């Protein structure tokens, strides 16, 4: 597998997860484990390097190298040791996928402060629904079902604080949310955040799916909201609340009770 083939072709469709809690293994390994349990297989390509690197974008980070023909065993070891930063997988129903730490433009941060992103080819979702013909509509229905199955499986198994599904977009960090960035149009929110009534307006403007550990609010992927501006406005305050809450919860006291390192 060549260096350039680590990403799927064409327009990207991704979901990014922000764990917001301690996991039993590195977040990238935890997501890849769920995908493997769903039938995914490692393709052998990976970006790897020493653990603990600070970076903004995986391919550009000093100290990170590319390997194109690693065994599944080697890839798993790299993930669990925390030295894998992006791995290629094949996922039944959608094909080539990249499981990666998402970029944090302008900020070099350790892996634990990056969202974990699963990227596949968008297929018909690269086009507006109004341009779909019957064949593309049928293909979109199939891809929607499969992608949603992987997305739900990751959310159910890992219960991230939030997760965002997007095409050619990004998953904001809590710091970005606290600074006024909106989550997006297609968002999973964990029940453990206890937002309740704060998301009533979002729910009215979205198609809602209740999952095991939280709720998925869709304003584009499952159905296009008739009022995108209103949906984005409805996400404004909840996004800030989520960001501020996660920052507050993950600033741990240092020696003598003084604030310690930010670990979200």
Protein backbone atom coordinates (compact mmCIF):
# COMPACT_ATOMS: atom_id res chain seq x y z
CA UNK A 1 0.00 0.00 0.00
CA UNK A 2 1.46 3.36 -1.01
CA UNK A 3 1.83 6.38 1.26
CA UNK A 4 -0.92 8.29 -0.55
CA UNK A 5 -3.42 5.43 -0.27
CA UNK A 6 -3.77 5.69 3.49
CA UNK A 7 -6.73 8.00 2.94
CA UNK A 8 -9.80 6.82 0.99
CA UNK A 9 -10.25 8.33 -2.44
CA UNK A 10 -12.59 11.15 -3.41
CA UNK A 11 -14.50 13.28 -0.91
CA UNK A 12 -14.22 12.23 2.73
CA UNK A 13 -16.96 11.24 5.14
CA UNK A 14 -15.76 11.10 8.75
CA UNK A 15 -16.83 10.77 12.33
CA UNK A 16 -14.63 12.11 15.08
CA UNK A 17 -14.84 11.21 18.77
CA UNK A 18 -13.81 13.18 21.83
CA UNK A 19 -13.55 10.61 24.66
CA UNK A 20 -13.71 13.08 27.55
CA UNK A 21 -12.89 10.29 30.01
CA UNK A 22 -10.16 7.79 30.81
CA UNK A 23 -10.10 4.66 28.65
CA UNK A 24 -8.35 1.36 29.31
CA UNK A 25 -6.03 1.90 26.34
CA UNK A 26 -5.00 4.77 24.04
CA UNK A 27 -8.03 6.29 22.34
CA UNK A 28 -6.83 5.41 18.83
CA UNK A 29 -6.43 1.77 19.88
CA UNK A 30 -9.86 1.75 21.53
CA UNK A 31 -11.60 3.01 18.36
CA UNK A 32 -9.67 0.59 16.14
CA UNK A 33 -10.59 -2.30 18.48
CA UNK A 34 -14.30 -1.52 18.06
CA UNK A 35 -13.96 -1.37 14.28
CA UNK A 36 -12.08 -4.66 14.25
CA UNK A 37 -14.85 -6.24 16.33
CA UNK A 38 -17.27 -5.00 13.63
CA UNK A 39 -15.34 -6.87 10.96
CA UNK A 40 -12.66 -4.34 10.06
CA UNK A 41 -9.16 -5.54 9.13
CA UNK A 42 -5.83 -3.72 9.25
CA UNK A 43 -4.38 -2.95 5.81
CA UNK A 44 -0.78 -2.75 7.07
CA UNK A 45 -0.12 0.97 6.52
CA UNK A 46 0.48 3.26 9.49
CA UNK A 47 2.14 6.43 10.68
CA UNK A 48 4.14 5.76 13.83
CA UNK A 49 6.66 7.39 16.15
CA UNK A 50 7.71 7.71 19.77
CA UNK A 51 4.94 7.98 22.33
CA UNK A 52 4.17 11.39 23.78
CA UNK A 53 4.83 13.49 20.69
CA UNK A 54 3.11 16.86 20.42
CA UNK A 55 1.82 17.58 16.93
CA UNK A 56 -0.77 19.54 14.98
CA UNK A 57 -1.23 17.25 11.95
CA UNK A 58 -0.03 13.66 11.78
CA UNK A 59 1.90 13.51 8.47
CA UNK A 60 3.74 16.78 9.14
CA UNK A 61 4.90 16.03 12.68
CA UNK A 62 8.64 15.66 13.31
CA UNK A 63 9.41 12.18 14.58
CA UNK A 64 6.47 10.46 12.85
CA UNK A 65 7.33 7.98 10.06
CA UNK A 66 5.35 5.95 7.54
CA UNK A 67 5.31 2.17 7.13
CA UNK A 68 3.33 0.45 4.38
CA UNK A 69 3.41 -3.26 5.08
CA UNK A 70 3.03 -4.05 8.78
CA UNK A 71 1.28 -7.18 10.01
CA UNK A 72 -1.99 -6.84 11.90
CA UNK A 73 -0.13 -7.94 15.02
CA UNK A 74 2.45 -5.15 14.61
CA UNK A 75 -0.28 -2.57 14.02
CA UNK A 76 -2.16 -3.66 17.15
CA UNK A 77 1.04 -3.48 19.18
CA UNK A 78 1.75 0.02 17.90
CA UNK A 79 -1.76 1.15 18.77
CA UNK A 80 -1.68 -0.26 22.30
CA UNK A 81 1.84 1.05 22.99
CA UNK A 82 0.71 4.53 21.94
CA UNK A 83 3.23 4.83 19.10
CA UNK A 84 0.67 4.61 16.25
CA UNK A 85 -0.75 7.92 15.09
CA UNK A 86 -2.76 6.81 12.04
CA UNK A 87 -3.60 3.34 10.72
CA UNK A 88 -5.32 2.09 7.57
CA UNK A 89 -8.21 -0.36 7.78
CA UNK A 90 -10.65 -2.04 5.43
CA UNK A 91 -14.24 -1.85 6.67
CA UNK A 92 -16.92 -4.13 5.21
CA UNK A 93 -19.48 -2.12 3.27
CA UNK A 94 -17.42 1.05 2.91
CA UNK A 95 -13.94 -0.11 1.92
CA UNK A 96 -10.74 1.75 2.75
CA UNK A 97 -10.72 3.72 6.02
CA UNK A 98 -8.18 5.75 7.96
CA UNK A 99 -8.26 5.81 11.77
CA UNK A 100 -6.29 8.81 12.90
CA UNK A 101 -5.74 11.54 15.42
CA UNK A 102 -7.47 14.54 13.91
CA UNK A 103 -5.59 17.75 13.20
CA UNK A 104 -5.60 20.65 15.66
CA UNK A 105 -4.69 23.54 13.32
CA UNK A 106 -2.29 26.04 14.82
CA UNK A 107 -1.70 24.04 18.00
CA UNK A 108 0.82 21.30 18.68
CA UNK A 109 -0.80 19.06 21.27
CA UNK A 110 -0.15 15.55 22.61
CA UNK A 111 -2.25 12.70 21.23
CA UNK A 112 -4.65 12.74 24.20
CA UNK A 113 -5.76 16.25 23.24
CA UNK A 114 -6.71 15.35 19.66
CA UNK A 115 -10.08 13.95 18.56
CA UNK A 116 -9.93 10.44 17.07
CA UNK A 117 -11.25 10.37 13.53
CA UNK A 118 -12.54 7.56 11.28
CA UNK A 119 -12.57 8.55 7.61
CA UNK A 120 -14.10 6.74 4.62
CA UNK A 121 -15.08 7.77 1.10
CA UNK A 122 -18.27 9.84 1.03
CA UNK A 123 -19.74 8.17 -2.06
CA UNK A 124 -23.06 9.76 -3.02
CA UNK A 125 -22.82 12.02 0.04
CA UNK A 126 -20.23 14.03 -1.88
CA UNK A 127 -23.19 15.43 -3.87
CA UNK A 128 -26.22 17.44 -2.73
CA UNK A 129 -29.30 15.24 -2.37
CA UNK A 130 -31.07 17.28 -5.06
CA UNK A 131 -28.57 15.93 -7.62
CA UNK A 132 -28.92 12.25 -6.73
CA UNK A 133 -30.35 9.97 -9.36
CA UNK A 134 -32.05 6.70 -8.39
CA UNK A 135 -28.79 4.74 -8.40
CA UNK A 136 -27.02 7.30 -6.21
CA UNK A 137 -29.98 7.46 -3.84
CA UNK A 138 -29.90 3.68 -3.39
CA UNK A 139 -26.13 3.74 -2.85
CA UNK A 140 -26.48 6.55 -0.30
CA UNK A 141 -29.05 4.57 1.68
CA UNK A 142 -26.68 1.61 1.89
CA UNK A 143 -23.68 3.77 2.88
CA UNK A 144 -25.75 5.65 5.44
CA UNK A 145 -26.76 2.42 7.15
CA UNK A 146 -23.23 1.00 7.22
CA UNK A 147 -21.48 4.19 8.36
CA UNK A 148 -24.09 4.74 11.04
CA UNK A 149 -23.54 1.19 12.29
CA UNK A 150 -19.81 1.85 12.79
CA UNK A 151 -20.49 5.24 14.33
CA UNK A 152 -23.05 3.86 16.77
CA UNK A 153 -20.80 0.92 17.68
CA UNK A 154 -17.95 3.28 18.62
CA UNK A 155 -20.26 5.54 20.64
CA UNK A 156 -21.92 2.61 22.44
CA UNK A 157 -18.63 0.91 23.32
CA UNK A 158 -16.60 3.99 24.28
CA UNK A 159 -19.25 6.55 25.30
CA UNK A 160 -17.31 9.62 24.17
CA UNK A 161 -18.44 12.93 25.64
CA UNK A 162 -19.38 13.92 22.10
CA UNK A 163 -18.76 12.80 18.54
CA UNK A 164 -19.31 14.58 15.24
CA UNK A 165 -20.14 13.14 11.81
CA UNK A 166 -19.13 15.37 8.91
CA UNK A 167 -18.00 15.52 5.30
CA UNK A 168 -14.72 17.39 4.75
CA UNK A 169 -15.20 19.07 8.14
CA UNK A 170 -13.59 18.60 11.53
CA UNK A 171 -14.31 17.71 15.15
CA UNK A 172 -13.71 20.65 17.49
CA UNK A 173 -11.80 20.28 20.76
CA UNK A 174 -13.40 21.41 24.04
CA UNK A 175 -11.19 24.52 23.95
CA UNK A 176 -12.55 25.39 20.50
CA UNK A 177 -16.13 24.86 21.72
CA UNK A 178 -15.56 27.04 24.76
CA UNK A 179 -14.23 29.71 22.41
CA UNK A 180 -17.47 29.76 20.41
CA UNK A 181 -17.03 27.02 17.79
CA UNK A 182 -20.24 25.09 17.09
CA UNK A 183 -20.23 21.30 17.16
CA UNK A 184 -21.86 20.89 13.75
CA UNK A 185 -25.08 19.50 12.30
CA UNK A 186 -24.68 15.76 13.07
CA UNK A 187 -23.64 15.19 16.66
CA UNK A 188 -23.69 12.45 19.29
CA UNK A 189 -23.88 13.70 22.88
CA UNK A 190 -23.33 11.37 25.81
CA UNK A 191 -26.11 11.07 28.35
CA UNK A 192 -23.52 11.43 31.11
CA UNK A 193 -23.16 15.13 30.26
CA UNK A 194 -26.70 15.65 31.53
CA UNK A 195 -27.60 18.43 29.07
CA UNK A 196 -31.29 17.51 29.03
CA UNK A 197 -33.48 20.47 28.15
CA UNK A 198 -30.53 22.44 26.73
CA UNK A 199 -30.84 20.30 23.58
CA UNK A 200 -34.62 20.55 23.12
CA UNK A 201 -34.36 23.06 20.27
CA UNK A 202 -31.62 21.01 18.59
CA UNK A 203 -33.90 17.94 18.83
CA UNK A 204 -36.82 19.82 17.24
CA UNK A 205 -34.67 20.70 14.22
CA UNK A 206 -32.96 17.31 13.86
CA UNK A 207 -33.72 13.66 13.31
CA UNK A 208 -33.01 12.01 16.67
CA UNK A 209 -31.70 8.52 17.36
CA UNK A 210 -31.47 7.29 20.95
CA UNK A 211 -28.45 5.05 21.40
CA UNK A 212 -27.28 3.00 24.39
CA UNK A 213 -25.19 5.72 26.02
CA UNK A 214 -26.45 8.92 24.43
CA UNK A 215 -28.29 10.61 21.58
CA UNK A 216 -27.43 11.24 17.95
CA UNK A 217 -28.88 14.47 16.52
CA UNK A 218 -28.76 14.56 12.70
CA UNK A 219 -29.43 17.64 10.61
CA UNK A 220 -27.73 16.45 7.40
CA UNK A 221 -26.70 12.79 7.26
CA UNK A 222 -30.08 11.16 7.97
CA UNK A 223 -32.18 14.01 6.67
CA UNK A 224 -31.49 17.62 5.73
CA UNK A 225 -32.96 20.13 8.13
CA UNK A 226 -35.21 22.69 6.42
CA UNK A 227 -33.57 25.48 8.46
CA UNK A 228 -29.81 25.04 8.72
CA UNK A 229 -29.21 28.49 10.21
CA UNK A 230 -31.67 27.79 13.01
CA UNK A 231 -30.04 24.44 13.75
CA UNK A 232 -26.56 25.95 13.94
CA UNK A 233 -27.89 28.70 16.19
CA UNK A 234 -29.50 26.07 18.43
CA UNK A 235 -26.11 24.39 18.86
CA UNK A 236 -24.32 27.61 19.84
CA UNK A 237 -24.97 27.69 23.59
CA UNK A 238 -24.85 23.90 24.18
CA UNK A 239 -21.49 23.78 22.38
CA UNK A 240 -20.05 26.39 24.74
CA UNK A 241 -21.49 24.60 27.78
CA UNK A 242 -19.99 21.27 26.67
CA UNK A 243 -16.57 22.81 26.03
CA UNK A 244 -16.45 24.68 29.32
CA UNK A 245 -17.66 21.68 31.31
CA UNK A 246 -15.08 19.33 29.84
CA UNK A 247 -12.26 21.82 30.39
CA UNK A 248 -13.36 22.27 34.01
CA UNK A 249 -13.65 18.53 34.63
CA UNK A 250 -10.26 17.71 33.15
CA UNK A 251 -8.05 20.32 34.77
CA UNK A 252 -6.66 18.21 37.57
CA UNK A 253 -5.23 19.70 40.78
CA UNK A 254 -1.46 19.79 40.95
CA UNK A 255 0.79 19.77 44.04
CA UNK A 256 -0.69 21.69 46.95
CA UNK A 257 -4.08 21.87 45.24
CA UNK A 258 -2.88 24.24 42.54
CA UNK A 259 -4.24 23.74 39.02
CA UNK A 260 -2.32 21.11 37.12
CA UNK A 261 -2.03 20.15 33.49
CA UNK A 262 -4.93 20.37 31.11
CA UNK A 263 -5.65 16.82 29.98
CA UNK A 264 -8.78 16.96 27.81
